[in-house]
Amino acid sequence: MDHKDLVQYARSLFDAHGDKAEAEAAQKAAAAREAGMTDDAEKWDKIRFHIKELRGPRAT
């Protein structure tokens, strides 16, 4: 999955799940790591990063 695809997937996940999208990506990354699928875990970590960027800074 190239950078453009990761960003597009992050946008779709964020649009569908809002603030819960980041947690979902983190759970997917953890599950992939547990299953020994390090490449998939890294992809989910990158997706999570892009979701954080889309969400922007949190208001306090």
PDB file of N, CA and C in Angstrom:
ATOM      1  N   MET A   1       0.859  -1.170   0.000  1.00  0.00           N
ATOM      2  CA  MET A   1       0.000   0.000   0.000  1.00  0.00           C
ATOM      3  C   MET A   1       0.902   1.229   0.000  1.00  0.00           C
ATOM      4  N   ASP A   2       0.730   2.090  -0.980  1.00  0.00           N
ATOM      5  CA  ASP A   2       1.583   3.273  -1.038  1.00  0.00           C
ATOM      6  C   ASP A   2       0.995   4.404  -0.177  1.00  0.00           C
ATOM      7  N   HIS A   3       1.756   5.472  -0.077  1.00  0.00           N
ATOM      8  CA  HIS A   3       1.386   6.595   0.793  1.00  0.00           C
ATOM      9  C   HIS A   3      -0.004   7.138   0.465  1.00  0.00           C
ATOM     10  N   LYS A   4      -0.266   7.319  -0.816  1.00  0.00           N
ATOM     11  CA  LYS A   4      -1.555   7.859  -1.250  1.00  0.00           C
ATOM     12  C   LYS A   4      -2.712   6.960  -0.786  1.00  0.00           C
ATOM     13  N   ASP A   5      -2.532   5.659  -0.899  1.00  0.00           N
ATOM     14  CA  ASP A   5      -3.572   4.716  -0.473  1.00  0.00           C
ATOM     15  C   ASP A   5      -3.781   4.756   1.039  1.00  0.00           C
ATOM     16  N   LEU A   6      -2.689   4.885   1.780  1.00  0.00           N
ATOM     17  CA  LEU A   6      -2.785   4.962   3.240  1.00  0.00           C
ATOM     18  C   LEU A   6      -3.573   6.202   3.668  1.00  0.00           C
ATOM     19  N   VAL A   7      -3.274   7.329   3.038  1.00  0.00           N
ATOM     20  CA  VAL A   7      -3.959   8.573   3.374  1.00  0.00           C
ATOM     21  C   VAL A   7      -5.435   8.465   3.011  1.00  0.00           C
ATOM     22  N   GLN A   8      -5.720   7.896   1.854  1.00  0.00           N
ATOM     23  CA  GLN A   8      -7.109   7.750   1.423  1.00  0.00           C
ATOM     24  C   GLN A   8      -7.875   6.814   2.368  1.00  0.00           C
ATOM     25  N   TYR A   9      -7.240   5.727   2.781  1.00  0.00           N
ATOM     26  CA  TYR A   9      -7.892   4.799   3.702  1.00  0.00           C
ATOM     27  C   TYR A   9      -8.134   5.470   5.050  1.00  0.00           C
ATOM     28  N   ALA A  10      -7.156   6.234   5.519  1.00  0.00           N
ATOM     29  CA  ALA A  10      -7.312   6.956   6.788  1.00  0.00           C
ATOM     30  C   ALA A  10      -8.483   7.926   6.707  1.00  0.00           C
ATOM     31  N   ARG A  11      -8.599   8.637   5.599  1.00  0.00           N
ATOM     32  CA  ARG A  11      -9.704   9.587   5.404  1.00  0.00           C
ATOM     33  C   ARG A  11     -11.052   8.864   5.433  1.00  0.00           C
ATOM     34  N   SER A  12     -11.135   7.737   4.755  1.00  0.00           N
ATOM     35  CA  SER A  12     -12.386   6.968   4.730  1.00  0.00           C
ATOM     36  C   SER A  12     -12.753   6.474   6.121  1.00  0.00           C
ATOM     37  N   LEU A  13     -11.765   5.973   6.841  1.00  0.00           N
ATOM     38  CA  LEU A  13     -12.011   5.472   8.190  1.00  0.00           C
ATOM     39  C   LEU A  13     -12.441   6.609   9.114  1.00  0.00           C
ATOM     40  N   PHE A  14     -11.783   7.758   8.988  1.00  0.00           N
ATOM     41  CA  PHE A  14     -12.122   8.914   9.816  1.00  0.00           C
ATOM     42  C   PHE A  14     -13.530   9.423   9.486  1.00  0.00           C
ATOM     43  N   ASP A  15     -13.851   9.473   8.200  1.00  0.00           N
ATOM     44  CA  ASP A  15     -15.188   9.923   7.799  1.00  0.00           C
ATOM     45  C   ASP A  15     -16.275   8.987   8.327  1.00  0.00           C
ATOM     46  N   ALA A  16     -15.982   7.706   8.350  1.00  0.00           N
ATOM     47  CA  ALA A  16     -16.966   6.714   8.781  1.00  0.00           C
ATOM     48  C   ALA A  16     -17.097   6.625  10.300  1.00  0.00           C
ATOM     49  N   HIS A  17     -15.972   6.795  11.019  1.00  0.00           N
ATOM     50  CA  HIS A  17     -15.976   6.537  12.462  1.00  0.00           C
ATOM     51  C   HIS A  17     -15.648   7.743  13.332  1.00  0.00           C
ATOM     52  N   GLY A  18     -15.294   8.857  12.723  1.00  0.00           N
ATOM     53  CA  GLY A  18     -14.987  10.051  13.506  1.00  0.00           C
ATOM     54  C   GLY A  18     -13.838   9.827  14.468  1.00  0.00           C
ATOM     55  N   ASP A  19     -13.999  10.316  15.686  1.00  0.00           N
ATOM     56  CA  ASP A  19     -12.932  10.223  16.691  1.00  0.00           C
ATOM     57  C   ASP A  19     -12.601   8.791  17.088  1.00  0.00           C
ATOM     58  N   LYS A  20     -13.474   7.854  16.813  1.00  0.00           N
ATOM     59  CA  LYS A  20     -13.213   6.453  17.152  1.00  0.00           C
ATOM     60  C   LYS A  20     -12.285   5.778  16.146  1.00  0.00           C
ATOM     61  N   ALA A  21     -12.048   6.414  15.015  1.00  0.00           N
ATOM     62  CA  ALA A  21     -11.219   5.821  13.957  1.00  0.00           C
ATOM     63  C   ALA A  21      -9.791   5.572  14.426  1.00  0.00           C
ATOM     64  N   GLU A  22      -9.243   6.495  15.188  1.00  0.00           N
ATOM     65  CA  GLU A  22      -7.865   6.319  15.663  1.00  0.00           C
ATOM     66  C   GLU A  22      -7.747   5.112  16.579  1.00  0.00           C
ATOM     67  N   ALA A  23      -8.707   4.950  17.462  1.00  0.00           N
ATOM     68  CA  ALA A  23      -8.697   3.789  18.366  1.00  0.00           C
ATOM     69  C   ALA A  23      -8.856   2.495  17.585  1.00  0.00           C
ATOM     70  N   GLU A  24      -9.680   2.516  16.566  1.00  0.00           N
ATOM     71  CA  GLU A  24      -9.870   1.321  15.749  1.00  0.00           C
ATOM     72  C   GLU A  24      -8.568   0.940  15.040  1.00  0.00           C
ATOM     73  N   ALA A  25      -7.877   1.925  14.496  1.00  0.00           N
ATOM     74  CA  ALA A  25      -6.603   1.661  13.830  1.00  0.00           C
ATOM     75  C   ALA A  25      -5.581   1.115  14.824  1.00  0.00           C
ATOM     76  N   ALA A  26      -5.568   1.641  16.036  1.00  0.00           N
ATOM     77  CA  ALA A  26      -4.643   1.161  17.068  1.00  0.00           C
ATOM     78  C   ALA A  26      -4.948  -0.292  17.421  1.00  0.00           C
ATOM     79  N   GLN A  27      -6.223  -0.630  17.526  1.00  0.00           N
ATOM     80  CA  GLN A  27      -6.614  -2.012  17.828  1.00  0.00           C
ATOM     81  C   GLN A  27      -6.199  -2.953  16.708  1.00  0.00           C
ATOM     82  N   LYS A  28      -6.386  -2.521  15.464  1.00  0.00           N
ATOM     83  CA  LYS A  28      -5.989  -3.344  14.312  1.00  0.00           C
ATOM     84  C   LYS A  28      -4.472  -3.558  14.308  1.00  0.00           C
ATOM     85  N   ALA A  29      -3.718  -2.525  14.634  1.00  0.00           N
ATOM     86  CA  ALA A  29      -2.259  -2.642  14.682  1.00  0.00           C
ATOM     87  C   ALA A  29      -1.838  -3.631  15.769  1.00  0.00           C
ATOM     88  N   ALA A  30      -2.457  -3.526  16.937  1.00  0.00           N
ATOM     89  CA  ALA A  30      -2.130  -4.427  18.041  1.00  0.00           C
ATOM     90  C   ALA A  30      -2.471  -5.875  17.691  1.00  0.00           C
ATOM     91  N   ALA A  31      -3.613  -6.083  17.080  1.00  0.00           N
ATOM     92  CA  ALA A  31      -4.020  -7.441  16.692  1.00  0.00           C
ATOM     93  C   ALA A  31      -3.061  -8.014  15.655  1.00  0.00           C
ATOM     94  N   ALA A  32      -2.645  -7.195  14.714  1.00  0.00           N
ATOM     95  CA  ALA A  32      -1.702  -7.654  13.694  1.00  0.00           C
ATOM     96  C   ALA A  32      -0.365  -8.023  14.330  1.00  0.00           C
ATOM     97  N   ARG A  33       0.089  -7.203  15.296  1.00  0.00           N
ATOM     98  CA  ARG A  33       1.345  -7.505  15.995  1.00  0.00           C
ATOM     99  C   ARG A  33       1.247  -8.821  16.752  1.00  0.00           C
ATOM    100  N   GLU A  34       0.128  -9.023  17.441  1.00  0.00           N
ATOM    101  CA  GLU A  34      -0.071 -10.268  18.187  1.00  0.00           C
ATOM    102  C   GLU A  34      -0.037 -11.481  17.274  1.00  0.00           C
ATOM    103  N   ALA A  35      -0.541 -11.314  16.063  1.00  0.00           N
ATOM    104  CA  ALA A  35      -0.589 -12.408  15.092  1.00  0.00           C
ATOM    105  C   ALA A  35       0.738 -12.554  14.341  1.00  0.00           C
ATOM    106  N   GLY A  36       1.714 -11.708  14.672  1.00  0.00           N
ATOM    107  CA  GLY A  36       3.019 -11.784  14.027  1.00  0.00           C
ATOM    108  C   GLY A  36       3.053 -11.162  12.639  1.00  0.00           C
ATOM    109  N   MET A  37       2.060 -10.358  12.332  1.00  0.00           N
ATOM    110  CA  MET A  37       1.956  -9.721  11.016  1.00  0.00           C
ATOM    111  C   MET A  37       2.500  -8.299  11.108  1.00  0.00           C
ATOM    112  N   THR A  38       3.823  -8.197  11.183  1.00  0.00           N
ATOM    113  CA  THR A  38       4.442  -6.896  11.434  1.00  0.00           C
ATOM    114  C   THR A  38       4.215  -5.905  10.300  1.00  0.00           C
ATOM    115  N   ASP A  39       4.179  -6.378   9.058  1.00  0.00           N
ATOM    116  CA  ASP A  39       3.932  -5.458   7.941  1.00  0.00           C
ATOM    117  C   ASP A  39       2.548  -4.830   8.055  1.00  0.00           C
ATOM    118  N   ASP A  40       1.550  -5.639   8.385  1.00  0.00           N
ATOM    119  CA  ASP A  40       0.192  -5.121   8.561  1.00  0.00           C
ATOM    120  C   ASP A  40       0.127  -4.159   9.744  1.00  0.00           C
ATOM    121  N   ALA A  41       0.824  -4.505  10.815  1.00  0.00           N
ATOM    122  CA  ALA A  41       0.844  -3.631  11.992  1.00  0.00           C
ATOM    123  C   ALA A  41       1.424  -2.262  11.633  1.00  0.00           C
ATOM    124  N   GLU A  42       2.492  -2.259  10.847  1.00  0.00           N
ATOM    125  CA  GLU A  42       3.107  -0.991  10.436  1.00  0.00           C
ATOM    126  C   GLU A  42       2.154  -0.174   9.574  1.00  0.00           C
ATOM    127  N   LYS A  43       1.408  -0.836   8.689  1.00  0.00           N
ATOM    128  CA  LYS A  43       0.429  -0.127   7.868  1.00  0.00           C
ATOM    129  C   LYS A  43      -0.634   0.517   8.741  1.00  0.00           C
ATOM    130  N   TRP A  44      -1.127  -0.207   9.735  1.00  0.00           N
ATOM    131  CA  TRP A  44      -2.149   0.347  10.628  1.00  0.00           C
ATOM    132  C   TRP A  44      -1.593   1.490  11.461  1.00  0.00           C
ATOM    133  N   ASP A  45      -0.320   1.393  11.856  1.00  0.00           N
ATOM    134  CA  ASP A  45       0.308   2.508  12.582  1.00  0.00           C
ATOM    135  C   ASP A  45       0.359   3.761  11.709  1.00  0.00           C
ATOM    136  N   LYS A  46       0.677   3.585  10.433  1.00  0.00           N
ATOM    137  CA  LYS A  46       0.726   4.728   9.513  1.00  0.00           C
ATOM    138  C   LYS A  46      -0.670   5.299   9.295  1.00  0.00           C
ATOM    139  N   ILE A  47      -1.656   4.435   9.170  1.00  0.00           N
ATOM    140  CA  ILE A  47      -3.036   4.890   9.014  1.00  0.00           C
ATOM    141  C   ILE A  47      -3.448   5.680  10.246  1.00  0.00           C
ATOM    142  N   ARG A  48      -3.087   5.170  11.427  1.00  0.00           N
ATOM    143  CA  ARG A  48      -3.404   5.873  12.676  1.00  0.00           C
ATOM    144  C   ARG A  48      -2.759   7.261  12.694  1.00  0.00           C
ATOM    145  N   PHE A  49      -1.523   7.350  12.261  1.00  0.00           N
ATOM    146  CA  PHE A  49      -0.828   8.641  12.198  1.00  0.00           C
ATOM    147  C   PHE A  49      -1.589   9.626  11.308  1.00  0.00           C
ATOM    148  N   HIS A  50      -2.025   9.154  10.155  1.00  0.00           N
ATOM    149  CA  HIS A  50      -2.747  10.034   9.231  1.00  0.00           C
ATOM    150  C   HIS A  50      -4.111  10.434   9.802  1.00  0.00           C
ATOM    151  N   ILE A  51      -4.741   9.549  10.531  1.00  0.00           N
ATOM    152  CA  ILE A  51      -6.007   9.896  11.185  1.00  0.00           C
ATOM    153  C   ILE A  51      -5.764  11.004  12.206  1.00  0.00           C
ATOM    154  N   LYS A  52      -4.663  10.899  12.958  1.00  0.00           N
ATOM    155  CA  LYS A  52      -4.322  11.949  13.925  1.00  0.00           C
ATOM    156  C   LYS A  52      -4.163  13.293  13.225  1.00  0.00           C
ATOM    157  N   GLU A  53      -3.517  13.280  12.066  1.00  0.00           N
ATOM    158  CA  GLU A  53      -3.343  14.518  11.313  1.00  0.00           C
ATOM    159  C   GLU A  53      -4.686  15.075  10.850  1.00  0.00           C
ATOM    160  N   LEU A  54      -5.569  14.205  10.400  1.00  0.00           N
ATOM    161  CA  LEU A  54      -6.886  14.643   9.944  1.00  0.00           C
ATOM    162  C   LEU A  54      -7.697  15.244  11.085  1.00  0.00           C
ATOM    163  N   ARG A  55      -7.587  14.637  12.251  1.00  0.00           N
ATOM    164  CA  ARG A  55      -8.334  15.091  13.406  1.00  0.00           C
ATOM    165  C   ARG A  55      -7.866  16.447  13.876  1.00  0.00           C
ATOM    166  N   GLY A  56      -6.576  16.714  13.736  1.00  0.00           N
ATOM    167  CA  GLY A  56      -6.021  17.995  14.155  1.00  0.00           C
ATOM    168  C   GLY A  56      -5.854  18.060  15.661  1.00  0.00           C
ATOM    169  N   PRO A  57      -5.395  19.208  16.148  1.00  0.00           N
ATOM    170  CA  PRO A  57      -5.197  19.349  17.590  1.00  0.00           C
ATOM    171  C   PRO A  57      -6.525  19.294  18.345  1.00  0.00           C
ATOM    172  N   ARG A  58      -6.454  18.671  19.473  1.00  0.00           N
ATOM    173  CA  ARG A  58      -7.669  18.565  20.317  1.00  0.00           C
ATOM    174  C   ARG A  58      -7.859  19.839  21.109  1.00  0.00           C
ATOM    175  N   ALA A  59      -9.095  20.214  21.243  1.00  0.00           N
ATOM    176  CA  ALA A  59      -9.424  21.384  22.059  1.00  0.00           C
ATOM    177  C   ALA A  59      -9.334  21.012  23.523  1.00  0.00           C
ATOM    178  N   THR A  60      -8.883  21.946  24.351  1.00  0.00           N
ATOM    179  CA  THR A  60      -8.800  21.670  25.796  1.00  0.00           C
ATOM    180  C   THR A  60      -9.814  22.471  26.534  1.00  0.00           C
TER     181      THR A  60
END
